[in-house]
Amino acid sequence: MSKRTTVIVDEAYLEFEPDFAARTAAGLRRAGENVVVFRTFGKIYGLAGLSMGYAVAPQALAASLIRARIGVPETLDRLALAAATASLRDRGYIATIRAKVIAEREKWNSLFDGSKLQHSDSRGNFVFFETGRPTRTSRRRWAQEVSRLGAPFLPSINGPASRSD
């Protein structure tokens, strides 16, 4: 690990993994490594509209940010602070959301596999896939499949610019 350069780790989607606690880089920070771990409340916590997150950072860097008034509580939105605090306290919610996302992801992967569509091995709350068709055609086809799966929304389908309708 670099002693001269700070390593930044973005763990925005890591909490979707069942083994999150074993995989987080926060332990490296606690062990004294020159690492900053960024986390957000906008993904698994579902608080994207509140623009709230936090960092596990070296003490000197954290002190510097506080002196610069970056991220200090009195500069943050009270609603966002209350929501973030409540989210951290509700451990059962995260386990429930994680399980639901994994189940939905498995449904989508099964659908893509059955349709012989190339797709990503996403570990987050999304799956990228190649439709092989113009966007408008794909949207109609997937709208039918979504209603069969019972999903509450149609995933974002973006084809290459030359194929978009």
N, C-alpha and C. Protein backbone atom coordinates (compact mmCIF):
# COMPACT_ATOMS: atom_id res chain seq x y z
N MET A 1 0.86 -1.17 0.00
CA MET A 1 0.00 0.00 0.00
C MET A 1 0.90 1.23 0.00
N SER A 2 0.53 2.21 -0.78
CA SER A 2 1.31 3.42 -0.90
C SER A 2 1.34 4.22 0.41
N LYS A 3 2.52 4.71 0.77
CA LYS A 3 2.65 5.59 1.93
C LYS A 3 2.61 7.05 1.50
N ARG A 4 2.94 7.31 0.22
CA ARG A 4 3.01 8.68 -0.28
C ARG A 4 1.71 9.13 -0.94
N THR A 5 0.92 8.19 -1.40
CA THR A 5 -0.30 8.52 -2.11
C THR A 5 -1.50 7.91 -1.39
N THR A 6 -2.52 8.71 -1.20
CA THR A 6 -3.73 8.21 -0.57
C THR A 6 -4.50 7.37 -1.57
N VAL A 7 -4.90 6.18 -1.16
CA VAL A 7 -5.71 5.29 -1.98
C VAL A 7 -7.17 5.53 -1.60
N ILE A 8 -7.99 5.81 -2.60
CA ILE A 8 -9.41 6.06 -2.36
C ILE A 8 -10.21 4.86 -2.82
N VAL A 9 -11.08 4.36 -1.94
CA VAL A 9 -11.92 3.21 -2.25
C VAL A 9 -13.38 3.64 -2.16
N ASP A 10 -14.10 3.50 -3.26
CA ASP A 10 -15.52 3.84 -3.30
C ASP A 10 -16.31 2.55 -3.05
N GLU A 11 -16.99 2.48 -1.92
CA GLU A 11 -17.74 1.27 -1.56
C GLU A 11 -19.25 1.47 -1.74
N ALA A 12 -19.64 2.29 -2.71
CA ALA A 12 -21.06 2.61 -2.91
C ALA A 12 -21.92 1.37 -3.11
N TYR A 13 -21.41 0.37 -3.82
CA TYR A 13 -22.21 -0.82 -4.10
C TYR A 13 -21.80 -2.03 -3.28
N LEU A 14 -20.75 -1.94 -2.52
CA LEU A 14 -20.24 -3.10 -1.78
C LEU A 14 -21.26 -3.63 -0.77
N GLU A 15 -22.08 -2.76 -0.21
CA GLU A 15 -23.04 -3.22 0.79
C GLU A 15 -24.13 -4.13 0.23
N PHE A 16 -24.20 -4.25 -1.09
CA PHE A 16 -25.12 -5.21 -1.69
C PHE A 16 -24.58 -6.64 -1.57
N GLU A 17 -23.33 -6.78 -1.22
CA GLU A 17 -22.72 -8.11 -1.09
C GLU A 17 -22.98 -8.69 0.30
N PRO A 18 -23.38 -9.96 0.36
CA PRO A 18 -23.61 -10.59 1.67
C PRO A 18 -22.37 -10.58 2.57
N ASP A 19 -21.19 -10.62 1.97
CA ASP A 19 -19.95 -10.65 2.76
C ASP A 19 -19.30 -9.26 2.84
N PHE A 20 -20.13 -8.23 2.84
CA PHE A 20 -19.67 -6.85 2.89
C PHE A 20 -18.63 -6.62 4.00
N ALA A 21 -18.94 -7.08 5.20
CA ALA A 21 -18.05 -6.83 6.35
C ALA A 21 -16.66 -7.42 6.14
N ALA A 22 -16.58 -8.54 5.45
CA ALA A 22 -15.28 -9.17 5.20
C ALA A 22 -14.52 -8.49 4.06
N ARG A 23 -15.23 -7.79 3.18
CA ARG A 23 -14.60 -7.21 1.99
C ARG A 23 -14.30 -5.73 2.08
N THR A 24 -14.86 -5.03 3.04
CA THR A 24 -14.65 -3.59 3.13
C THR A 24 -13.16 -3.26 3.35
N ALA A 25 -12.76 -2.13 2.80
CA ALA A 25 -11.38 -1.66 2.98
C ALA A 25 -11.22 -0.85 4.26
N ALA A 26 -12.29 -0.69 5.03
CA ALA A 26 -12.21 0.10 6.27
C ALA A 26 -11.19 -0.50 7.24
N GLY A 27 -11.03 -1.81 7.21
CA GLY A 27 -10.03 -2.46 8.07
C GLY A 27 -8.61 -2.02 7.74
N LEU A 28 -8.35 -1.75 6.47
CA LEU A 28 -7.03 -1.24 6.08
C LEU A 28 -6.80 0.13 6.71
N ARG A 29 -7.83 0.97 6.69
CA ARG A 29 -7.72 2.30 7.29
C ARG A 29 -7.44 2.17 8.79
N ARG A 30 -8.20 1.29 9.44
CA ARG A 30 -8.02 1.09 10.89
C ARG A 30 -6.64 0.53 11.21
N ALA A 31 -6.05 -0.21 10.26
CA ALA A 31 -4.72 -0.78 10.46
C ALA A 31 -3.62 0.25 10.17
N GLY A 32 -4.02 1.48 9.82
CA GLY A 32 -3.03 2.53 9.62
C GLY A 32 -2.63 2.78 8.18
N GLU A 33 -3.24 2.06 7.26
CA GLU A 33 -2.90 2.27 5.84
C GLU A 33 -3.43 3.62 5.36
N ASN A 34 -2.79 4.15 4.33
CA ASN A 34 -3.14 5.46 3.77
C ASN A 34 -4.33 5.30 2.81
N VAL A 35 -5.49 4.99 3.38
CA VAL A 35 -6.70 4.68 2.61
C VAL A 35 -7.84 5.56 3.09
N VAL A 36 -8.67 6.01 2.14
CA VAL A 36 -9.92 6.69 2.46
C VAL A 36 -11.03 5.84 1.83
N VAL A 37 -12.00 5.46 2.65
CA VAL A 37 -13.13 4.66 2.17
C VAL A 37 -14.36 5.56 2.13
N PHE A 38 -14.95 5.67 0.94
CA PHE A 38 -16.16 6.45 0.77
C PHE A 38 -17.37 5.53 0.75
N ARG A 39 -18.41 5.94 1.44
CA ARG A 39 -19.68 5.22 1.44
C ARG A 39 -20.81 6.23 1.23
N THR A 40 -21.92 5.73 0.72
CA THR A 40 -23.05 6.58 0.43
C THR A 40 -24.33 6.01 1.02
N PHE A 41 -25.26 6.88 1.29
CA PHE A 41 -26.60 6.44 1.71
C PHE A 41 -27.53 6.39 0.50
N GLY A 42 -26.99 6.67 -0.69
CA GLY A 42 -27.81 6.75 -1.89
C GLY A 42 -28.06 5.43 -2.59
N LYS A 43 -27.43 4.36 -2.19
CA LYS A 43 -27.62 3.08 -2.88
C LYS A 43 -28.47 2.14 -2.04
N ILE A 44 -27.87 1.27 -1.25
CA ILE A 44 -28.65 0.28 -0.52
C ILE A 44 -29.59 0.91 0.50
N TYR A 45 -29.23 2.07 1.03
CA TYR A 45 -30.10 2.74 2.00
C TYR A 45 -31.28 3.45 1.33
N GLY A 46 -31.19 3.65 0.00
CA GLY A 46 -32.29 4.26 -0.74
C GLY A 46 -32.49 5.74 -0.51
N LEU A 47 -31.44 6.47 -0.14
CA LEU A 47 -31.56 7.89 0.17
C LEU A 47 -30.84 8.77 -0.86
N ALA A 48 -30.91 8.38 -2.13
CA ALA A 48 -30.16 9.09 -3.18
C ALA A 48 -30.49 10.57 -3.25
N GLY A 49 -31.72 10.94 -3.06
CA GLY A 49 -32.11 12.33 -3.17
C GLY A 49 -31.57 13.23 -2.07
N LEU A 50 -31.02 12.63 -1.02
CA LEU A 50 -30.52 13.43 0.10
C LEU A 50 -29.02 13.74 0.01
N SER A 51 -28.34 13.18 -0.96
CA SER A 51 -26.90 13.42 -1.16
C SER A 51 -26.12 13.34 0.15
N MET A 52 -26.18 12.19 0.77
CA MET A 52 -25.52 11.99 2.06
C MET A 52 -24.58 10.80 1.97
N GLY A 53 -23.40 10.97 2.53
CA GLY A 53 -22.43 9.90 2.58
C GLY A 53 -21.43 10.18 3.68
N TYR A 54 -20.43 9.33 3.76
CA TYR A 54 -19.39 9.55 4.75
C TYR A 54 -18.10 8.89 4.30
N ALA A 55 -17.02 9.22 4.99
CA ALA A 55 -15.71 8.66 4.66
C ALA A 55 -15.06 8.13 5.93
N VAL A 56 -14.35 7.04 5.77
CA VAL A 56 -13.48 6.52 6.81
C VAL A 56 -12.09 6.96 6.36
N ALA A 57 -11.52 7.92 7.05
CA ALA A 57 -10.33 8.59 6.56
C ALA A 57 -9.25 8.69 7.64
N PRO A 58 -7.99 8.89 7.20
CA PRO A 58 -6.92 9.13 8.18
C PRO A 58 -7.26 10.34 9.04
N GLN A 59 -6.88 10.30 10.28
CA GLN A 59 -7.22 11.36 11.23
C GLN A 59 -6.78 12.74 10.75
N ALA A 60 -5.60 12.84 10.20
CA ALA A 60 -5.10 14.14 9.74
C ALA A 60 -5.96 14.69 8.61
N LEU A 61 -6.37 13.83 7.69
CA LEU A 61 -7.22 14.27 6.58
C LEU A 61 -8.60 14.67 7.11
N ALA A 62 -9.16 13.88 8.01
CA ALA A 62 -10.47 14.21 8.60
C ALA A 62 -10.41 15.56 9.32
N ALA A 63 -9.35 15.80 10.06
CA ALA A 63 -9.20 17.08 10.77
C ALA A 63 -9.11 18.24 9.79
N SER A 64 -8.41 18.02 8.69
CA SER A 64 -8.28 19.05 7.66
C SER A 64 -9.64 19.37 7.04
N LEU A 65 -10.43 18.35 6.79
CA LEU A 65 -11.76 18.56 6.22
C LEU A 65 -12.65 19.32 7.20
N ILE A 66 -12.55 18.98 8.46
CA ILE A 66 -13.35 19.68 9.48
C ILE A 66 -12.94 21.14 9.56
N ARG A 67 -11.63 21.41 9.54
CA ARG A 67 -11.16 22.81 9.56
C ARG A 67 -11.68 23.59 8.35
N ALA A 68 -11.81 22.90 7.22
CA ALA A 68 -12.32 23.53 6.00
C ALA A 68 -13.85 23.58 5.98
N ARG A 69 -14.47 23.05 7.05
CA ARG A 69 -15.93 23.03 7.20
C ARG A 69 -16.61 22.14 6.16
N ILE A 70 -15.91 21.10 5.74
CA ILE A 70 -16.46 20.15 4.78
C ILE A 70 -17.02 18.95 5.54
N GLY A 71 -18.33 18.74 5.41
CA GLY A 71 -18.97 17.60 6.05
C GLY A 71 -19.25 17.76 7.53
N VAL A 72 -19.09 18.94 8.07
CA VAL A 72 -19.41 19.11 9.50
C VAL A 72 -20.94 19.18 9.64
N PRO A 73 -21.47 18.63 10.73
CA PRO A 73 -22.93 18.51 10.86
C PRO A 73 -23.71 19.80 10.63
N GLU A 74 -23.20 20.91 11.12
CA GLU A 74 -23.98 22.15 10.98
C GLU A 74 -24.06 22.67 9.54
N THR A 75 -23.27 22.10 8.62
CA THR A 75 -23.36 22.50 7.22
C THR A 75 -24.22 21.53 6.41
N LEU A 76 -24.74 20.49 7.06
CA LEU A 76 -25.50 19.46 6.36
C LEU A 76 -27.00 19.62 6.61
N ASP A 77 -27.78 19.12 5.70
CA ASP A 77 -29.23 19.16 5.80
C ASP A 77 -29.71 18.30 6.98
N ARG A 78 -30.56 18.87 7.82
CA ARG A 78 -31.02 18.15 9.02
C ARG A 78 -31.83 16.90 8.67
N LEU A 79 -32.65 16.98 7.64
CA LEU A 79 -33.43 15.82 7.23
C LEU A 79 -32.49 14.70 6.78
N ALA A 80 -31.48 15.05 6.00
CA ALA A 80 -30.52 14.05 5.54
C ALA A 80 -29.78 13.43 6.71
N LEU A 81 -29.38 14.23 7.67
CA LEU A 81 -28.69 13.70 8.86
C LEU A 81 -29.60 12.75 9.64
N ALA A 82 -30.86 13.14 9.83
CA ALA A 82 -31.79 12.28 10.57
C ALA A 82 -32.03 10.97 9.83
N ALA A 83 -32.21 11.04 8.51
CA ALA A 83 -32.44 9.84 7.72
C ALA A 83 -31.21 8.92 7.73
N ALA A 84 -30.03 9.50 7.59
CA ALA A 84 -28.80 8.71 7.61
C ALA A 84 -28.60 8.04 8.97
N THR A 85 -28.84 8.78 10.03
CA THR A 85 -28.70 8.22 11.38
C THR A 85 -29.67 7.07 11.59
N ALA A 86 -30.93 7.26 11.19
CA ALA A 86 -31.92 6.19 11.34
C ALA A 86 -31.54 4.98 10.50
N SER A 87 -31.00 5.21 9.32
CA SER A 87 -30.59 4.11 8.44
C SER A 87 -29.48 3.27 9.06
N LEU A 88 -28.52 3.93 9.66
CA LEU A 88 -27.42 3.20 10.28
C LEU A 88 -27.89 2.37 11.47
N ARG A 89 -28.92 2.82 12.13
CA ARG A 89 -29.43 2.10 13.30
C ARG A 89 -30.28 0.89 12.93
N ASP A 90 -30.84 0.87 11.73
CA ASP A 90 -31.76 -0.19 11.32
C ASP A 90 -31.03 -1.26 10.51
N ARG A 91 -30.28 -2.12 11.19
CA ARG A 91 -29.50 -3.18 10.54
C ARG A 91 -30.39 -4.18 9.79
N GLY A 92 -31.58 -4.45 10.32
CA GLY A 92 -32.48 -5.40 9.67
C GLY A 92 -32.92 -4.94 8.30
N TYR A 93 -33.08 -3.63 8.13
CA TYR A 93 -33.50 -3.08 6.85
C TYR A 93 -32.48 -3.42 5.76
N ILE A 94 -31.22 -3.24 6.04
CA ILE A 94 -30.17 -3.50 5.05
C ILE A 94 -30.17 -4.97 4.65
N ALA A 95 -30.28 -5.87 5.62
CA ALA A 95 -30.31 -7.29 5.30
C ALA A 95 -31.51 -7.63 4.42
N THR A 96 -32.65 -7.01 4.71
CA THR A 96 -33.86 -7.25 3.92
C THR A 96 -33.70 -6.73 2.50
N ILE A 97 -33.20 -5.50 2.37
CA ILE A 97 -33.00 -4.91 1.04
C ILE A 97 -31.98 -5.73 0.25
N ARG A 98 -30.89 -6.10 0.89
CA ARG A 98 -29.86 -6.91 0.22
C ARG A 98 -30.48 -8.20 -0.33
N ALA A 99 -31.27 -8.89 0.47
CA ALA A 99 -31.90 -10.14 0.03
C ALA A 99 -32.86 -9.89 -1.13
N LYS A 100 -33.64 -8.82 -1.06
CA LYS A 100 -34.58 -8.50 -2.14
C LYS A 100 -33.85 -8.18 -3.44
N VAL A 101 -32.78 -7.40 -3.34
CA VAL A 101 -32.01 -7.04 -4.54
C VAL A 101 -31.39 -8.29 -5.16
N ILE A 102 -30.82 -9.16 -4.34
CA ILE A 102 -30.23 -10.39 -4.86
C ILE A 102 -31.29 -11.23 -5.55
N ALA A 103 -32.47 -11.36 -4.95
CA ALA A 103 -33.54 -12.15 -5.56
C ALA A 103 -33.98 -11.55 -6.89
N GLU A 104 -34.14 -10.24 -6.95
CA GLU A 104 -34.53 -9.58 -8.20
C GLU A 104 -33.44 -9.72 -9.26
N ARG A 105 -32.20 -9.56 -8.84
CA ARG A 105 -31.08 -9.69 -9.77
C ARG A 105 -31.06 -11.10 -10.36
N GLU A 106 -31.31 -12.10 -9.54
CA GLU A 106 -31.35 -13.48 -10.03
C GLU A 106 -32.47 -13.69 -11.03
N LYS A 107 -33.62 -13.06 -10.80
CA LYS A 107 -34.73 -13.14 -11.77
C LYS A 107 -34.31 -12.56 -13.12
N TRP A 108 -33.68 -11.37 -13.05
CA TRP A 108 -33.25 -10.73 -14.29
C TRP A 108 -32.18 -11.57 -15.00
N ASN A 109 -31.23 -12.08 -14.24
CA ASN A 109 -30.19 -12.90 -14.86
C ASN A 109 -30.79 -14.14 -15.51
N SER A 110 -31.76 -14.75 -14.87
CA SER A 110 -32.43 -15.92 -15.42
C SER A 110 -33.17 -15.56 -16.71
N LEU A 111 -33.84 -14.42 -16.68
CA LEU A 111 -34.55 -13.96 -17.87
C LEU A 111 -33.57 -13.71 -19.02
N PHE A 112 -32.47 -13.03 -18.72
CA PHE A 112 -31.46 -12.76 -19.76
C PHE A 112 -30.84 -14.06 -20.27
N ASP A 113 -30.52 -14.98 -19.37
CA ASP A 113 -29.94 -16.26 -19.78
C ASP A 113 -30.91 -17.01 -20.67
N GLY A 114 -32.19 -17.05 -20.28
CA GLY A 114 -33.21 -17.74 -21.07
C GLY A 114 -33.41 -17.11 -22.43
N SER A 115 -33.18 -15.82 -22.51
CA SER A 115 -33.30 -15.10 -23.78
C SER A 115 -31.99 -15.06 -24.55
N LYS A 116 -30.97 -15.70 -23.99
CA LYS A 116 -29.62 -15.74 -24.58
C LYS A 116 -29.05 -14.35 -24.84
N LEU A 117 -29.28 -13.47 -23.87
CA LEU A 117 -28.75 -12.11 -23.96
C LEU A 117 -27.50 -12.00 -23.09
N GLN A 118 -26.47 -11.41 -23.65
CA GLN A 118 -25.25 -11.17 -22.88
C GLN A 118 -25.55 -10.13 -21.82
N HIS A 119 -25.08 -10.37 -20.58
CA HIS A 119 -25.34 -9.43 -19.50
C HIS A 119 -24.17 -9.44 -18.51
N SER A 120 -24.13 -8.40 -17.72
CA SER A 120 -23.06 -8.27 -16.73
C SER A 120 -23.32 -9.18 -15.54
N ASP A 121 -22.27 -9.47 -14.81
CA ASP A 121 -22.40 -10.18 -13.53
C ASP A 121 -22.44 -9.11 -12.45
N SER A 122 -23.50 -8.35 -12.47
CA SER A 122 -23.62 -7.22 -11.54
C SER A 122 -23.68 -7.70 -10.11
N ARG A 123 -23.09 -6.92 -9.23
CA ARG A 123 -23.16 -7.21 -7.80
C ARG A 123 -23.96 -6.11 -7.09
N GLY A 124 -24.50 -5.17 -7.86
CA GLY A 124 -25.26 -4.07 -7.29
C GLY A 124 -26.75 -4.24 -7.54
N ASN A 125 -27.46 -3.12 -7.60
CA ASN A 125 -28.90 -3.14 -7.81
C ASN A 125 -29.25 -2.84 -9.27
N PHE A 126 -28.45 -3.32 -10.18
CA PHE A 126 -28.65 -3.12 -11.61
C PHE A 126 -27.98 -4.27 -12.35
N VAL A 127 -28.37 -4.44 -13.61
CA VAL A 127 -27.72 -5.41 -14.49
C VAL A 127 -27.64 -4.75 -15.86
N PHE A 128 -26.45 -4.72 -16.44
CA PHE A 128 -26.29 -4.23 -17.80
C PHE A 128 -26.50 -5.40 -18.74
N PHE A 129 -27.17 -5.13 -19.86
CA PHE A 129 -27.35 -6.20 -20.84
C PHE A 129 -27.37 -5.64 -22.25
N GLU A 130 -27.00 -6.50 -23.18
CA GLU A 130 -26.95 -6.14 -24.60
C GLU A 130 -28.24 -6.64 -25.24
N THR A 131 -29.02 -5.73 -25.78
CA THR A 131 -30.29 -6.14 -26.39
C THR A 131 -30.11 -6.63 -27.81
N GLY A 132 -29.13 -6.08 -28.51
CA GLY A 132 -28.94 -6.44 -29.92
C GLY A 132 -30.01 -5.86 -30.82
N ARG A 133 -30.82 -4.97 -30.28
CA ARG A 133 -31.93 -4.37 -31.02
C ARG A 133 -31.98 -2.87 -30.77
N PRO A 134 -32.70 -2.15 -31.62
CA PRO A 134 -32.89 -0.72 -31.35
C PRO A 134 -33.60 -0.51 -30.01
N THR A 135 -33.34 0.58 -29.37
CA THR A 135 -33.88 0.86 -28.04
C THR A 135 -35.40 0.76 -28.01
N ARG A 136 -36.08 1.37 -28.96
CA ARG A 136 -37.56 1.38 -28.96
C ARG A 136 -38.12 -0.05 -29.01
N THR A 137 -37.55 -0.88 -29.86
CA THR A 137 -37.98 -2.28 -29.96
C THR A 137 -37.73 -3.00 -28.65
N SER A 138 -36.59 -2.78 -28.04
CA SER A 138 -36.24 -3.43 -26.78
C SER A 138 -37.18 -3.02 -25.66
N ARG A 139 -37.52 -1.75 -25.61
CA ARG A 139 -38.42 -1.28 -24.55
C ARG A 139 -39.77 -2.00 -24.62
N ARG A 140 -40.32 -2.16 -25.83
CA ARG A 140 -41.61 -2.85 -25.96
C ARG A 140 -41.49 -4.29 -25.50
N ARG A 141 -40.45 -4.97 -25.93
CA ARG A 141 -40.27 -6.38 -25.57
C ARG A 141 -40.09 -6.54 -24.06
N TRP A 142 -39.26 -5.71 -23.46
CA TRP A 142 -39.00 -5.85 -22.03
C TRP A 142 -40.16 -5.40 -21.18
N ALA A 143 -40.99 -4.51 -21.68
CA ALA A 143 -42.19 -4.11 -20.94
C ALA A 143 -43.09 -5.33 -20.75
N GLN A 144 -43.18 -6.17 -21.77
CA GLN A 144 -43.98 -7.41 -21.65
C GLN A 144 -43.35 -8.35 -20.61
N GLU A 145 -42.04 -8.50 -20.64
CA GLU A 145 -41.36 -9.40 -19.71
C GLU A 145 -41.44 -8.89 -18.28
N VAL A 146 -41.35 -7.57 -18.11
CA VAL A 146 -41.43 -6.98 -16.77
C VAL A 146 -42.78 -7.29 -16.16
N SER A 147 -43.84 -7.17 -16.94
CA SER A 147 -45.16 -7.45 -16.39
C SER A 147 -45.27 -8.93 -16.01
N ARG A 148 -44.60 -9.81 -16.72
CA ARG A 148 -44.60 -11.23 -16.39
C ARG A 148 -43.86 -11.47 -15.07
N LEU A 149 -42.74 -10.76 -14.86
CA LEU A 149 -41.95 -10.91 -13.64
C LEU A 149 -42.59 -10.21 -12.44
N GLY A 150 -43.44 -9.24 -12.73
CA GLY A 150 -44.05 -8.48 -11.64
C GLY A 150 -43.15 -7.39 -11.11
N ALA A 151 -42.13 -6.99 -11.87
CA ALA A 151 -41.23 -5.92 -11.43
C ALA A 151 -41.96 -4.59 -11.51
N PRO A 152 -41.69 -3.68 -10.58
CA PRO A 152 -42.43 -2.42 -10.54
C PRO A 152 -41.99 -1.38 -11.57
N PHE A 153 -40.92 -1.63 -12.30
CA PHE A 153 -40.46 -0.63 -13.25
C PHE A 153 -39.66 -1.31 -14.36
N LEU A 154 -39.54 -0.63 -15.48
CA LEU A 154 -38.76 -1.12 -16.60
C LEU A 154 -37.32 -0.66 -16.42
N PRO A 155 -36.35 -1.56 -16.53
CA PRO A 155 -34.96 -1.14 -16.38
C PRO A 155 -34.56 -0.19 -17.49
N SER A 156 -33.55 0.59 -17.24
CA SER A 156 -33.04 1.50 -18.25
C SER A 156 -32.43 0.70 -19.38
N ILE A 157 -32.87 0.97 -20.59
CA ILE A 157 -32.33 0.29 -21.76
C ILE A 157 -31.74 1.35 -22.66
N ASN A 158 -30.45 1.32 -22.81
CA ASN A 158 -29.77 2.30 -23.65
C ASN A 158 -28.93 1.56 -24.67
N GLY A 159 -29.29 1.69 -25.91
CA GLY A 159 -28.50 1.08 -26.97
C GLY A 159 -27.45 2.06 -27.46
N PRO A 160 -26.55 1.59 -28.33
CA PRO A 160 -25.58 2.51 -28.91
C PRO A 160 -26.28 3.64 -29.65
N ALA A 161 -25.63 4.78 -29.73
CA ALA A 161 -26.26 5.97 -30.33
C ALA A 161 -26.79 5.67 -31.72
N SER A 162 -26.09 4.86 -32.50
CA SER A 162 -26.53 4.58 -33.85
C SER A 162 -27.79 3.69 -33.89
N ARG A 163 -28.10 3.03 -32.76
CA ARG A 163 -29.26 2.14 -32.72
C ARG A 163 -30.42 2.74 -31.96
N SER A 164 -30.23 3.85 -31.30
CA SER A 164 -31.32 4.44 -30.52
C SER A 164 -32.35 5.04 -31.43
N ASP A 165 -33.61 4.83 -31.09
CA ASP A 165 -34.70 5.40 -31.88
C ASP A 165 -35.10 6.77 -31.36
